[in-house]
Amino acid sequence: MFVLVLVIMAFATAAYAFAANNTVEASNDGEGSKLVGGYDVTNVTYTYSTANPSMITFVDFDISPAATKAGVSLVTGGILTDCGALTAGGTHAHCPVNVSVLDADMLRVVASD
């Protein structure tokens, strides 16, 4: 029994010594909070297909403050469509969509800078 306790103590000491020698580089990982501001979306216009006017093909809108990315969805629970490069210094989006007028039940805009 004494030998078993001695062996366990030896392993525990070795594990402690190994852990004490580990170094971790500094990082900015962590948890915190920061104020998240919103965007104002104005001047929303929809473009309808000339071949089939029951389909919406583009959504245009102005966004303030300027953003670098934006996406839209016109259907509740729908997948966001990337608007591509924003124009006018990041304040105007021209977003390609292909949604039936009957299915369009909301406008969801997600943007980031």
PDB file of N, CA and C in Angstrom:
ATOM      1  N   MET A   1       0.828  -1.187   0.000  1.00  0.00           N
ATOM      2  CA  MET A   1       0.000   0.000   0.000  1.00  0.00           C
ATOM      3  C   MET A   1       0.876   1.256   0.000  1.00  0.00           C
ATOM      4  N   PHE A   2       1.958   1.182   0.838  1.00  0.00           N
ATOM      5  CA  PHE A   2       2.866   2.322   0.921  1.00  0.00           C
ATOM      6  C   PHE A   2       3.507   2.619  -0.430  1.00  0.00           C
ATOM      7  N   VAL A   3       3.870   1.586  -1.175  1.00  0.00           N
ATOM      8  CA  VAL A   3       4.488   1.755  -2.486  1.00  0.00           C
ATOM      9  C   VAL A   3       3.502   2.398  -3.457  1.00  0.00           C
ATOM     10  N   LEU A   4       2.231   1.981  -3.415  1.00  0.00           N
ATOM     11  CA  LEU A   4       1.206   2.546  -4.293  1.00  0.00           C
ATOM     12  C   LEU A   4       1.028   4.042  -4.024  1.00  0.00           C
ATOM     13  N   VAL A   5       0.979   4.442  -2.760  1.00  0.00           N
ATOM     14  CA  VAL A   5       0.844   5.851  -2.411  1.00  0.00           C
ATOM     15  C   VAL A   5       2.077   6.612  -2.872  1.00  0.00           C
ATOM     16  N   LEU A   6       3.239   6.030  -2.728  1.00  0.00           N
ATOM     17  CA  LEU A   6       4.475   6.669  -3.158  1.00  0.00           C
ATOM     18  C   LEU A   6       4.492   6.890  -4.676  1.00  0.00           C
ATOM     19  N   VAL A   7       4.021   5.903  -5.451  1.00  0.00           N
ATOM     20  CA  VAL A   7       3.960   6.016  -6.909  1.00  0.00           C
ATOM     21  C   VAL A   7       2.964   7.114  -7.307  1.00  0.00           C
ATOM     22  N   ILE A   8       1.811   7.155  -6.678  1.00  0.00           N
ATOM     23  CA  ILE A   8       0.803   8.186  -6.985  1.00  0.00           C
ATOM     24  C   ILE A   8       1.357   9.569  -6.676  1.00  0.00           C
ATOM     25  N   MET A   9       2.053   9.734  -5.575  1.00  0.00           N
ATOM     26  CA  MET A   9       2.635  11.024  -5.213  1.00  0.00           C
ATOM     27  C   MET A   9       3.711  11.441  -6.223  1.00  0.00           C
ATOM     28  N   ALA A  10       4.462  10.483  -6.714  1.00  0.00           N
ATOM     29  CA  ALA A  10       5.496  10.786  -7.700  1.00  0.00           C
ATOM     30  C   ALA A  10       4.870  11.301  -8.990  1.00  0.00           C
ATOM     31  N   PHE A  11       3.797  10.635  -9.454  1.00  0.00           N
ATOM     32  CA  PHE A  11       3.107  11.093 -10.669  1.00  0.00           C
ATOM     33  C   PHE A  11       2.457  12.456 -10.458  1.00  0.00           C
ATOM     34  N   ALA A  12       1.865  12.681  -9.301  1.00  0.00           N
ATOM     35  CA  ALA A  12       1.226  13.964  -9.018  1.00  0.00           C
ATOM     36  C   ALA A  12       2.260  15.079  -9.014  1.00  0.00           C
ATOM     37  N   THR A  13       3.418  14.829  -8.440  1.00  0.00           N
ATOM     38  CA  THR A  13       4.483  15.837  -8.417  1.00  0.00           C
ATOM     39  C   THR A  13       4.989  16.123  -9.825  1.00  0.00           C
ATOM     40  N   ALA A  14       5.146  15.105 -10.629  1.00  0.00           N
ATOM     41  CA  ALA A  14       5.606  15.291 -12.008  1.00  0.00           C
ATOM     42  C   ALA A  14       4.577  16.081 -12.815  1.00  0.00           C
ATOM     43  N   ALA A  15       3.296  15.783 -12.637  1.00  0.00           N
ATOM     44  CA  ALA A  15       2.243  16.510 -13.363  1.00  0.00           C
ATOM     45  C   ALA A  15       2.224  17.966 -12.950  1.00  0.00           C
ATOM     46  N   TYR A  16       2.396  18.246 -11.656  1.00  0.00           N
ATOM     47  CA  TYR A  16       2.417  19.622 -11.185  1.00  0.00           C
ATOM     48  C   TYR A  16       3.614  20.362 -11.776  1.00  0.00           C
ATOM     49  N   ALA A  17       4.758  19.732 -11.785  1.00  0.00           N
ATOM     50  CA  ALA A  17       5.964  20.357 -12.322  1.00  0.00           C
ATOM     51  C   ALA A  17       5.805  20.636 -13.810  1.00  0.00           C
ATOM     52  N   PHE A  18       5.177  19.727 -14.548  1.00  0.00           N
ATOM     53  CA  PHE A  18       4.953  19.931 -15.981  1.00  0.00           C
ATOM     54  C   PHE A  18       4.019  21.110 -16.211  1.00  0.00           C
ATOM     55  N   ALA A  19       2.915  21.169 -15.452  1.00  0.00           N
ATOM     56  CA  ALA A  19       1.944  22.248 -15.624  1.00  0.00           C
ATOM     57  C   ALA A  19       2.548  23.588 -15.223  1.00  0.00           C
ATOM     58  N   ALA A  20       3.410  23.609 -14.231  1.00  0.00           N
ATOM     59  CA  ALA A  20       4.011  24.857 -13.783  1.00  0.00           C
ATOM     60  C   ALA A  20       4.956  25.434 -14.824  1.00  0.00           C
ATOM     61  N   ASN A  21       5.476  24.612 -15.727  1.00  0.00           N
ATOM     62  CA  ASN A  21       6.411  25.089 -16.743  1.00  0.00           C
ATOM     63  C   ASN A  21       5.730  25.553 -18.023  1.00  0.00           C
ATOM     64  N   ASN A  22       4.425  25.338 -18.176  1.00  0.00           N
ATOM     65  CA  ASN A  22       3.718  25.779 -19.373  1.00  0.00           C
ATOM     66  C   ASN A  22       3.560  27.289 -19.358  1.00  0.00           C
ATOM     67  N   THR A  23       3.736  27.911 -20.515  1.00  0.00           N
ATOM     68  CA  THR A  23       3.487  29.346 -20.640  1.00  0.00           C
ATOM     69  C   THR A  23       2.447  29.566 -21.724  1.00  0.00           C
ATOM     70  N   VAL A  24       1.639  30.573 -21.524  1.00  0.00           N
ATOM     71  CA  VAL A  24       0.586  30.904 -22.473  1.00  0.00           C
ATOM     72  C   VAL A  24       0.824  32.338 -22.931  1.00  0.00           C
ATOM     73  N   GLU A  25       0.858  32.534 -24.241  1.00  0.00           N
ATOM     74  CA  GLU A  25       1.063  33.872 -24.779  1.00  0.00           C
ATOM     75  C   GLU A  25      -0.145  34.752 -24.500  1.00  0.00           C
ATOM     76  N   ALA A  26       0.105  36.029 -24.347  1.00  0.00           N
ATOM     77  CA  ALA A  26      -0.976  36.987 -24.120  1.00  0.00           C
ATOM     78  C   ALA A  26      -1.880  37.042 -25.343  1.00  0.00           C
ATOM     79  N   SER A  27      -3.171  37.239 -25.110  1.00  0.00           N
ATOM     80  CA  SER A  27      -4.127  37.344 -26.212  1.00  0.00           C
ATOM     81  C   SER A  27      -5.229  38.305 -25.817  1.00  0.00           C
ATOM     82  N   ASN A  28      -6.078  38.604 -26.762  1.00  0.00           N
ATOM     83  CA  ASN A  28      -7.223  39.465 -26.503  1.00  0.00           C
ATOM     84  C   ASN A  28      -8.514  38.670 -26.403  1.00  0.00           C
ATOM     85  N   ASP A  29      -8.399  37.393 -26.173  1.00  0.00           N
ATOM     86  CA  ASP A  29      -9.590  36.568 -26.020  1.00  0.00           C
ATOM     87  C   ASP A  29     -10.282  36.947 -24.717  1.00  0.00           C
ATOM     88  N   GLY A  30     -11.570  36.803 -24.710  1.00  0.00           N
ATOM     89  CA  GLY A  30     -12.290  37.074 -23.477  1.00  0.00           C
ATOM     90  C   GLY A  30     -13.735  37.390 -23.741  1.00  0.00           C
ATOM     91  N   GLU A  31     -14.357  37.848 -22.734  1.00  0.00           N
ATOM     92  CA  GLU A  31     -15.776  38.157 -22.803  1.00  0.00           C
ATOM     93  C   GLU A  31     -15.955  39.590 -22.345  1.00  0.00           C
ATOM     94  N   GLY A  32     -16.886  40.273 -22.937  1.00  0.00           N
ATOM     95  CA  GLY A  32     -17.136  41.642 -22.541  1.00  0.00           C
ATOM     96  C   GLY A  32     -18.367  42.169 -23.236  1.00  0.00           C
ATOM     97  N   SER A  33     -18.568  43.440 -23.167  1.00  0.00           N
ATOM     98  CA  SER A  33     -19.727  44.028 -23.820  1.00  0.00           C
ATOM     99  C   SER A  33     -19.308  45.331 -24.480  1.00  0.00           C
ATOM    100  N   LYS A  34     -20.067  45.713 -25.487  1.00  0.00           N
ATOM    101  CA  LYS A  34     -19.797  46.937 -26.227  1.00  0.00           C
ATOM    102  C   LYS A  34     -21.114  47.416 -26.806  1.00  0.00           C
ATOM    103  N   LEU A  35     -21.302  48.692 -26.857  1.00  0.00           N
ATOM    104  CA  LEU A  35     -22.514  49.263 -27.426  1.00  0.00           C
ATOM    105  C   LEU A  35     -22.573  48.955 -28.920  1.00  0.00           C
ATOM    106  N   VAL A  36     -23.686  48.426 -29.374  1.00  0.00           N
ATOM    107  CA  VAL A  36     -23.890  48.136 -30.787  1.00  0.00           C
ATOM    108  C   VAL A  36     -24.914  49.125 -31.309  1.00  0.00           C
ATOM    109  N   GLY A  37     -24.475  49.954 -32.241  1.00  0.00           N
ATOM    110  CA  GLY A  37     -25.383  50.935 -32.815  1.00  0.00           C
ATOM    111  C   GLY A  37     -26.164  50.341 -33.969  1.00  0.00           C
ATOM    112  N   GLY A  38     -27.262  50.922 -34.288  1.00  0.00           N
ATOM    113  CA  GLY A  38     -28.079  50.430 -35.374  1.00  0.00           C
ATOM    114  C   GLY A  38     -27.875  51.235 -36.642  1.00  0.00           C
ATOM    115  N   TYR A  39     -28.549  50.826 -37.678  1.00  0.00           N
ATOM    116  CA  TYR A  39     -28.514  51.508 -38.961  1.00  0.00           C
ATOM    117  C   TYR A  39     -29.912  52.022 -39.272  1.00  0.00           C
ATOM    118  N   ASP A  40     -29.973  53.128 -39.966  1.00  0.00           N
ATOM    119  CA  ASP A  40     -31.239  53.627 -40.490  1.00  0.00           C
ATOM    120  C   ASP A  40     -31.322  53.224 -41.949  1.00  0.00           C
ATOM    121  N   VAL A  41     -32.400  52.560 -42.314  1.00  0.00           N
ATOM    122  CA  VAL A  41     -32.643  52.141 -43.692  1.00  0.00           C
ATOM    123  C   VAL A  41     -33.792  52.988 -44.236  1.00  0.00           C
ATOM    124  N   THR A  42     -33.519  53.712 -45.321  1.00  0.00           N
ATOM    125  CA  THR A  42     -34.520  54.610 -45.896  1.00  0.00           C
ATOM    126  C   THR A  42     -34.560  54.443 -47.410  1.00  0.00           C
ATOM    127  N   ASN A  43     -35.530  55.074 -48.020  1.00  0.00           N
ATOM    128  CA  ASN A  43     -35.684  55.105 -49.481  1.00  0.00           C
ATOM    129  C   ASN A  43     -35.688  53.698 -50.092  1.00  0.00           C
ATOM    130  N   VAL A  44     -36.450  52.810 -49.509  1.00  0.00           N
ATOM    131  CA  VAL A  44     -36.532  51.432 -50.002  1.00  0.00           C
ATOM    132  C   VAL A  44     -37.367  51.404 -51.273  1.00  0.00           C
ATOM    133  N   THR A  45     -36.804  50.784 -52.320  1.00  0.00           N
ATOM    134  CA  THR A  45     -37.547  50.594 -53.568  1.00  0.00           C
ATOM    135  C   THR A  45     -37.362  49.151 -54.039  1.00  0.00           C
ATOM    136  N   TYR A  46     -38.367  48.655 -54.715  1.00  0.00           N
ATOM    137  CA  TYR A  46     -38.357  47.289 -55.243  1.00  0.00           C
ATOM    138  C   TYR A  46     -38.426  47.350 -56.765  1.00  0.00           C
ATOM    139  N   THR A  47     -37.667  46.488 -57.418  1.00  0.00           N
ATOM    140  CA  THR A  47     -37.719  46.380 -58.874  1.00  0.00           C
ATOM    141  C   THR A  47     -38.384  45.061 -59.221  1.00  0.00           C
ATOM    142  N   TYR A  48     -39.357  45.121 -60.106  1.00  0.00           N
ATOM    143  CA  TYR A  48     -40.100  43.927 -60.512  1.00  0.00           C
ATOM    144  C   TYR A  48     -39.621  43.454 -61.878  1.00  0.00           C
ATOM    145  N   SER A  49     -39.697  42.174 -62.090  1.00  0.00           N
ATOM    146  CA  SER A  49     -39.278  41.584 -63.362  1.00  0.00           C
ATOM    147  C   SER A  49     -40.181  42.090 -64.481  1.00  0.00           C
ATOM    148  N   THR A  50     -39.589  42.519 -65.597  1.00  0.00           N
ATOM    149  CA  THR A  50     -40.399  42.949 -66.734  1.00  0.00           C
ATOM    150  C   THR A  50     -41.045  41.747 -67.414  1.00  0.00           C
ATOM    151  N   ALA A  51     -40.391  40.591 -67.357  1.00  0.00           N
ATOM    152  CA  ALA A  51     -40.953  39.375 -67.957  1.00  0.00           C
ATOM    153  C   ALA A  51     -42.054  38.771 -67.099  1.00  0.00           C
ATOM    154  N   ASN A  52     -41.959  38.947 -65.780  1.00  0.00           N
ATOM    155  CA  ASN A  52     -42.947  38.386 -64.854  1.00  0.00           C
ATOM    156  C   ASN A  52     -43.102  39.353 -63.681  1.00  0.00           C
ATOM    157  N   PRO A  53     -44.014  40.312 -63.777  1.00  0.00           N
ATOM    158  CA  PRO A  53     -44.170  41.348 -62.749  1.00  0.00           C
ATOM    159  C   PRO A  53     -44.554  40.820 -61.364  1.00  0.00           C
ATOM    160  N   SER A  54     -44.830  39.532 -61.251  1.00  0.00           N
ATOM    161  CA  SER A  54     -45.146  38.988 -59.932  1.00  0.00           C
ATOM    162  C   SER A  54     -43.877  38.606 -59.159  1.00  0.00           C
ATOM    163  N   MET A  55     -42.706  38.863 -59.762  1.00  0.00           N
ATOM    164  CA  MET A  55     -41.429  38.543 -59.114  1.00  0.00           C
ATOM    165  C   MET A  55     -40.655  39.830 -58.813  1.00  0.00           C
ATOM    166  N   ILE A  56     -40.122  39.919 -57.591  1.00  0.00           N
ATOM    167  CA  ILE A  56     -39.248  41.027 -57.212  1.00  0.00           C
ATOM    168  C   ILE A  56     -37.825  40.603 -57.546  1.00  0.00           C
ATOM    169  N   THR A  57     -37.107  41.447 -58.295  1.00  0.00           N
ATOM    170  CA  THR A  57     -35.748  41.084 -58.719  1.00  0.00           C
ATOM    171  C   THR A  57     -34.649  41.868 -58.001  1.00  0.00           C
ATOM    172  N   PHE A  58     -34.972  43.073 -57.521  1.00  0.00           N
ATOM    173  CA  PHE A  58     -33.980  43.865 -56.789  1.00  0.00           C
ATOM    174  C   PHE A  58     -34.650  44.641 -55.665  1.00  0.00           C
ATOM    175  N   VAL A  59     -33.880  44.867 -54.606  1.00  0.00           N
ATOM    176  CA  VAL A  59     -34.273  45.776 -53.532  1.00  0.00           C
ATOM    177  C   VAL A  59     -33.151  46.807 -53.417  1.00  0.00           C
ATOM    178  N   ASP A  60     -33.516  48.072 -53.444  1.00  0.00           N
ATOM    179  CA  ASP A  60     -32.561  49.157 -53.264  1.00  0.00           C
ATOM    180  C   ASP A  60     -32.919  49.909 -51.996  1.00  0.00           C
ATOM    181  N   PHE A  61     -31.914  50.383 -51.279  1.00  0.00           N
ATOM    182  CA  PHE A  61     -32.161  51.218 -50.108  1.00  0.00           C
ATOM    183  C   PHE A  61     -30.919  52.017 -49.767  1.00  0.00           C
ATOM    184  N   ASP A  62     -31.141  53.092 -49.036  1.00  0.00           N
ATOM    185  CA  ASP A  62     -30.050  53.886 -48.483  1.00  0.00           C
ATOM    186  C   ASP A  62     -29.864  53.445 -47.041  1.00  0.00           C
ATOM    187  N   ILE A  63     -28.608  53.491 -46.564  1.00  0.00           N
ATOM    188  CA  ILE A  63     -28.301  53.051 -45.209  1.00  0.00           C
ATOM    189  C   ILE A  63     -27.377  54.068 -44.553  1.00  0.00           C
ATOM    190  N   SER A  64     -27.649  54.350 -43.295  1.00  0.00           N
ATOM    191  CA  SER A  64     -26.832  55.313 -42.559  1.00  0.00           C
ATOM    192  C   SER A  64     -26.652  54.809 -41.130  1.00  0.00           C
ATOM    193  N   PRO A  65     -25.440  54.856 -40.589  1.00  0.00           N
ATOM    194  CA  PRO A  65     -24.193  55.305 -41.186  1.00  0.00           C
ATOM    195  C   PRO A  65     -23.710  54.328 -42.257  1.00  0.00           C
ATOM    196  N   ALA A  66     -22.647  54.692 -42.949  1.00  0.00           N
ATOM    197  CA  ALA A  66     -22.114  53.867 -44.034  1.00  0.00           C
ATOM    198  C   ALA A  66     -21.750  52.479 -43.526  1.00  0.00           C
ATOM    199  N   ALA A  67     -21.967  51.484 -44.377  1.00  0.00           N
ATOM    200  CA  ALA A  67     -21.662  50.087 -44.039  1.00  0.00           C
ATOM    201  C   ALA A  67     -20.737  49.508 -45.106  1.00  0.00           C
ATOM    202  N   THR A  68     -20.086  48.402 -44.776  1.00  0.00           N
ATOM    203  CA  THR A  68     -19.243  47.732 -45.761  1.00  0.00           C
ATOM    204  C   THR A  68     -19.926  46.510 -46.343  1.00  0.00           C
ATOM    205  N   LYS A  69     -20.882  45.946 -45.605  1.00  0.00           N
ATOM    206  CA  LYS A  69     -21.619  44.767 -46.066  1.00  0.00           C
ATOM    207  C   LYS A  69     -23.086  44.911 -45.696  1.00  0.00           C
ATOM    208  N   ALA A  70     -23.928  44.323 -46.537  1.00  0.00           N
ATOM    209  CA  ALA A  70     -25.366  44.288 -46.233  1.00  0.00           C
ATOM    210  C   ALA A  70     -25.971  43.053 -46.889  1.00  0.00           C
ATOM    211  N   GLY A  71     -27.011  42.568 -46.286  1.00  0.00           N
ATOM    212  CA  GLY A  71     -27.770  41.448 -46.829  1.00  0.00           C
ATOM    213  C   GLY A  71     -29.249  41.681 -46.573  1.00  0.00           C
ATOM    214  N   VAL A  72     -30.110  41.101 -47.410  1.00  0.00           N
ATOM    215  CA  VAL A  72     -31.553  41.274 -47.249  1.00  0.00           C
ATOM    216  C   VAL A  72     -32.276  39.936 -47.347  1.00  0.00           C
ATOM    217  N   SER A  73     -33.444  39.932 -46.760  1.00  0.00           N
ATOM    218  CA  SER A  73     -34.378  38.817 -46.914  1.00  0.00           C
ATOM    219  C   SER A  73     -35.769  39.426 -46.983  1.00  0.00           C
ATOM    220  N   LEU A  74     -36.600  38.885 -47.854  1.00  0.00           N
ATOM    221  CA  LEU A  74     -37.972  39.380 -48.002  1.00  0.00           C
ATOM    222  C   LEU A  74     -39.010  38.410 -47.478  1.00  0.00           C
ATOM    223  N   VAL A  75     -38.552  37.252 -46.994  1.00  0.00           N
ATOM    224  CA  VAL A  75     -39.457  36.209 -46.533  1.00  0.00           C
ATOM    225  C   VAL A  75     -39.108  35.854 -45.088  1.00  0.00           C
ATOM    226  N   THR A  76     -40.086  35.802 -44.225  1.00  0.00           N
ATOM    227  CA  THR A  76     -39.852  35.428 -42.835  1.00  0.00           C
ATOM    228  C   THR A  76     -39.137  34.084 -42.771  1.00  0.00           C
ATOM    229  N   GLY A  77     -38.014  34.061 -42.065  1.00  0.00           N
ATOM    230  CA  GLY A  77     -37.226  32.840 -41.948  1.00  0.00           C
ATOM    231  C   GLY A  77     -36.389  32.538 -43.174  1.00  0.00           C
ATOM    232  N   GLY A  78     -36.389  33.434 -44.158  1.00  0.00           N
ATOM    233  CA  GLY A  78     -35.640  33.214 -45.388  1.00  0.00           C
ATOM    234  C   GLY A  78     -34.151  33.456 -45.215  1.00  0.00           C
ATOM    235  N   ILE A  79     -33.385  32.963 -46.152  1.00  0.00           N
ATOM    236  CA  ILE A  79     -31.935  33.133 -46.147  1.00  0.00           C
ATOM    237  C   ILE A  79     -31.583  34.532 -46.620  1.00  0.00           C
ATOM    238  N   LEU A  80     -30.576  35.135 -45.982  1.00  0.00           N
ATOM    239  CA  LEU A  80     -30.122  36.461 -46.407  1.00  0.00           C
ATOM    240  C   LEU A  80     -29.426  36.375 -47.754  1.00  0.00           C
ATOM    241  N   THR A  81     -29.701  37.349 -48.608  1.00  0.00           N
ATOM    242  CA  THR A  81     -29.027  37.475 -49.896  1.00  0.00           C
ATOM    243  C   THR A  81     -28.007  38.596 -49.782  1.00  0.00           C
ATOM    244  N   ASP A  82     -26.765  38.312 -50.153  1.00  0.00           N
ATOM    245  CA  ASP A  82     -25.698  39.308 -50.094  1.00  0.00           C
ATOM    246  C   ASP A  82     -25.957  40.399 -51.122  1.00  0.00           C
ATOM    247  N   CYS A  83     -25.842  41.637 -50.694  1.00  0.00           N
ATOM    248  CA  CYS A  83     -26.080  42.763 -51.595  1.00  0.00           C
ATOM    249  C   CYS A  83     -24.868  43.112 -52.448  1.00  0.00           C
ATOM    250  N   GLY A  84     -23.738  42.490 -52.192  1.00  0.00           N
ATOM    251  CA  GLY A  84     -22.538  42.842 -52.939  1.00  0.00           C
ATOM    252  C   GLY A  84     -21.980  44.167 -52.456  1.00  0.00           C
ATOM    253  N   ALA A  85     -21.187  44.812 -53.287  1.00  0.00           N
ATOM    254  CA  ALA A  85     -20.530  46.065 -52.903  1.00  0.00           C
ATOM    255  C   ALA A  85     -21.562  47.183 -52.772  1.00  0.00           C
ATOM    256  N   LEU A  86     -21.524  47.878 -51.659  1.00  0.00           N
ATOM    257  CA  LEU A  86     -22.378  49.035 -51.464  1.00  0.00           C
ATOM    258  C   LEU A  86     -21.758  50.217 -52.196  1.00  0.00           C
ATOM    259  N   THR A  87     -22.595  51.101 -52.714  1.00  0.00           N
ATOM    260  CA  THR A  87     -22.117  52.261 -53.476  1.00  0.00           C
ATOM    261  C   THR A  87     -22.342  53.536 -52.667  1.00  0.00           C
ATOM    262  N   ALA A  88     -21.989  54.652 -53.260  1.00  0.00           N
ATOM    263  CA  ALA A  88     -22.138  55.971 -52.637  1.00  0.00           C
ATOM    264  C   ALA A  88     -21.452  56.008 -51.275  1.00  0.00           C
ATOM    265  N   GLY A  89     -20.218  55.482 -51.244  1.00  0.00           N
ATOM    266  CA  GLY A  89     -19.453  55.502 -49.999  1.00  0.00           C
ATOM    267  C   GLY A  89     -20.007  54.587 -48.924  1.00  0.00           C
ATOM    268  N   GLY A  90     -20.678  53.511 -49.343  1.00  0.00           N
ATOM    269  CA  GLY A  90     -21.236  52.556 -48.390  1.00  0.00           C
ATOM    270  C   GLY A  90     -22.608  52.923 -47.870  1.00  0.00           C
ATOM    271  N   THR A  91     -23.282  53.859 -48.560  1.00  0.00           N
ATOM    272  CA  THR A  91     -24.591  54.303 -48.071  1.00  0.00           C
ATOM    273  C   THR A  91     -25.753  53.890 -48.971  1.00  0.00           C
ATOM    274  N   HIS A  92     -25.478  53.143 -50.049  1.00  0.00           N
ATOM    275  CA  HIS A  92     -26.562  52.683 -50.928  1.00  0.00           C
ATOM    276  C   HIS A  92     -26.342  51.216 -51.291  1.00  0.00           C
ATOM    277  N   ALA A  93     -27.418  50.439 -51.173  1.00  0.00           N
ATOM    278  CA  ALA A  93     -27.364  49.009 -51.505  1.00  0.00           C
ATOM    279  C   ALA A  93     -28.307  48.715 -52.665  1.00  0.00           C
ATOM    280  N   HIS A  94     -27.850  47.875 -53.573  1.00  0.00           N
ATOM    281  CA  HIS A  94     -28.629  47.386 -54.719  1.00  0.00           C
ATOM    282  C   HIS A  94     -28.548  45.863 -54.636  1.00  0.00           C
ATOM    283  N   CYS A  95     -29.589  45.235 -54.099  1.00  0.00           N
ATOM    284  CA  CYS A  95     -29.541  43.823 -53.726  1.00  0.00           C
ATOM    285  C   CYS A  95     -30.350  42.950 -54.678  1.00  0.00           C
ATOM    286  N   PRO A  96     -29.697  41.988 -55.315  1.00  0.00           N
ATOM    287  CA  PRO A  96     -30.434  41.079 -56.193  1.00  0.00           C
ATOM    288  C   PRO A  96     -31.228  40.068 -55.364  1.00  0.00           C
ATOM    289  N   VAL A  97     -32.489  39.925 -55.688  1.00  0.00           N
ATOM    290  CA  VAL A  97     -33.351  38.927 -55.043  1.00  0.00           C
ATOM    291  C   VAL A  97     -34.188  38.270 -56.129  1.00  0.00           C
ATOM    292  N   ASN A  98     -34.816  37.196 -55.817  1.00  0.00           N
ATOM    293  CA  ASN A  98     -35.718  36.529 -56.748  1.00  0.00           C
ATOM    294  C   ASN A  98     -36.858  35.954 -55.917  1.00  0.00           C
ATOM    295  N   VAL A  99     -37.795  36.833 -55.563  1.00  0.00           N
ATOM    296  CA  VAL A  99     -38.853  36.472 -54.631  1.00  0.00           C
ATOM    297  C   VAL A  99     -40.203  36.830 -55.236  1.00  0.00           C
ATOM    298  N   SER A 100     -41.153  35.939 -55.089  1.00  0.00           N
ATOM    299  CA  SER A 100     -42.515  36.196 -55.526  1.00  0.00           C
ATOM    300  C   SER A 100     -43.131  37.288 -54.652  1.00  0.00           C
ATOM    301  N   VAL A 101     -43.905  38.159 -55.272  1.00  0.00           N
ATOM    302  CA  VAL A 101     -44.593  39.207 -54.534  1.00  0.00           C
ATOM    303  C   VAL A 101     -45.494  38.579 -53.461  1.00  0.00           C
ATOM    304  N   LEU A 102     -46.111  37.466 -53.774  1.00  0.00           N
ATOM    305  CA  LEU A 102     -46.991  36.798 -52.807  1.00  0.00           C
ATOM    306  C   LEU A 102     -46.229  36.244 -51.607  1.00  0.00           C
ATOM    307  N   ASP A 103     -44.962  35.861 -51.799  1.00  0.00           N
ATOM    308  CA  ASP A 103     -44.156  35.313 -50.700  1.00  0.00           C
ATOM    309  C   ASP A 103     -43.508  36.395 -49.849  1.00  0.00           C
ATOM    310  N   ALA A 104     -43.303  37.572 -50.408  1.00  0.00           N
ATOM    311  CA  ALA A 104     -42.632  38.654 -49.678  1.00  0.00           C
ATOM    312  C   ALA A 104     -43.542  39.146 -48.562  1.00  0.00           C
ATOM    313  N   ASP A 105     -43.106  38.929 -47.319  1.00  0.00           N
ATOM    314  CA  ASP A 105     -43.928  39.338 -46.198  1.00  0.00           C
ATOM    315  C   ASP A 105     -43.189  40.229 -45.193  1.00  0.00           C
ATOM    316  N   MET A 106     -41.933  40.574 -45.484  1.00  0.00           N
ATOM    317  CA  MET A 106     -41.158  41.432 -44.598  1.00  0.00           C
ATOM    318  C   MET A 106     -39.892  41.887 -45.317  1.00  0.00           C
ATOM    319  N   LEU A 107     -39.225  42.861 -44.743  1.00  0.00           N
ATOM    320  CA  LEU A 107     -37.912  43.284 -45.229  1.00  0.00           C
ATOM    321  C   LEU A 107     -36.967  43.204 -44.042  1.00  0.00           C
ATOM    322  N   ARG A 108     -35.976  42.342 -44.151  1.00  0.00           N
ATOM    323  CA  ARG A 108     -34.954  42.203 -43.117  1.00  0.00           C
ATOM    324  C   ARG A 108     -33.630  42.641 -43.724  1.00  0.00           C
ATOM    325  N   VAL A 109     -32.970  43.594 -43.077  1.00  0.00           N
ATOM    326  CA  VAL A 109     -31.667  44.080 -43.514  1.00  0.00           C
ATOM    327  C   VAL A 109     -30.664  43.815 -42.404  1.00  0.00           C
ATOM    328  N   VAL A 110     -29.562  43.174 -42.760  1.00  0.00           N
ATOM    329  CA  VAL A 110     -28.459  42.953 -41.829  1.00  0.00           C
ATOM    330  C   VAL A 110     -27.245  43.635 -42.429  1.00  0.00           C
ATOM    331  N   ALA A 111     -26.595  44.517 -41.661  1.00  0.00           N
ATOM    332  CA  ALA A 111     -25.458  45.271 -42.167  1.00  0.00           C
ATOM    333  C   ALA A 111     -24.329  45.277 -41.146  1.00  0.00           C
ATOM    334  N   SER A 112     -23.115  45.510 -41.640  1.00  0.00           N
ATOM    335  CA  SER A 112     -21.960  45.634 -40.751  1.00  0.00           C
ATOM    336  C   SER A 112     -20.952  46.594 -41.366  1.00  0.00           C
ATOM    337  N   ASP A 113     -20.103  47.126 -40.503  1.00  0.00           N
ATOM    338  CA  ASP A 113     -19.059  48.026 -41.003  1.00  0.00           C
ATOM    339  C   ASP A 113     -17.704  47.394 -40.897  1.00  0.00           C
TER     340      ASP A 113
END
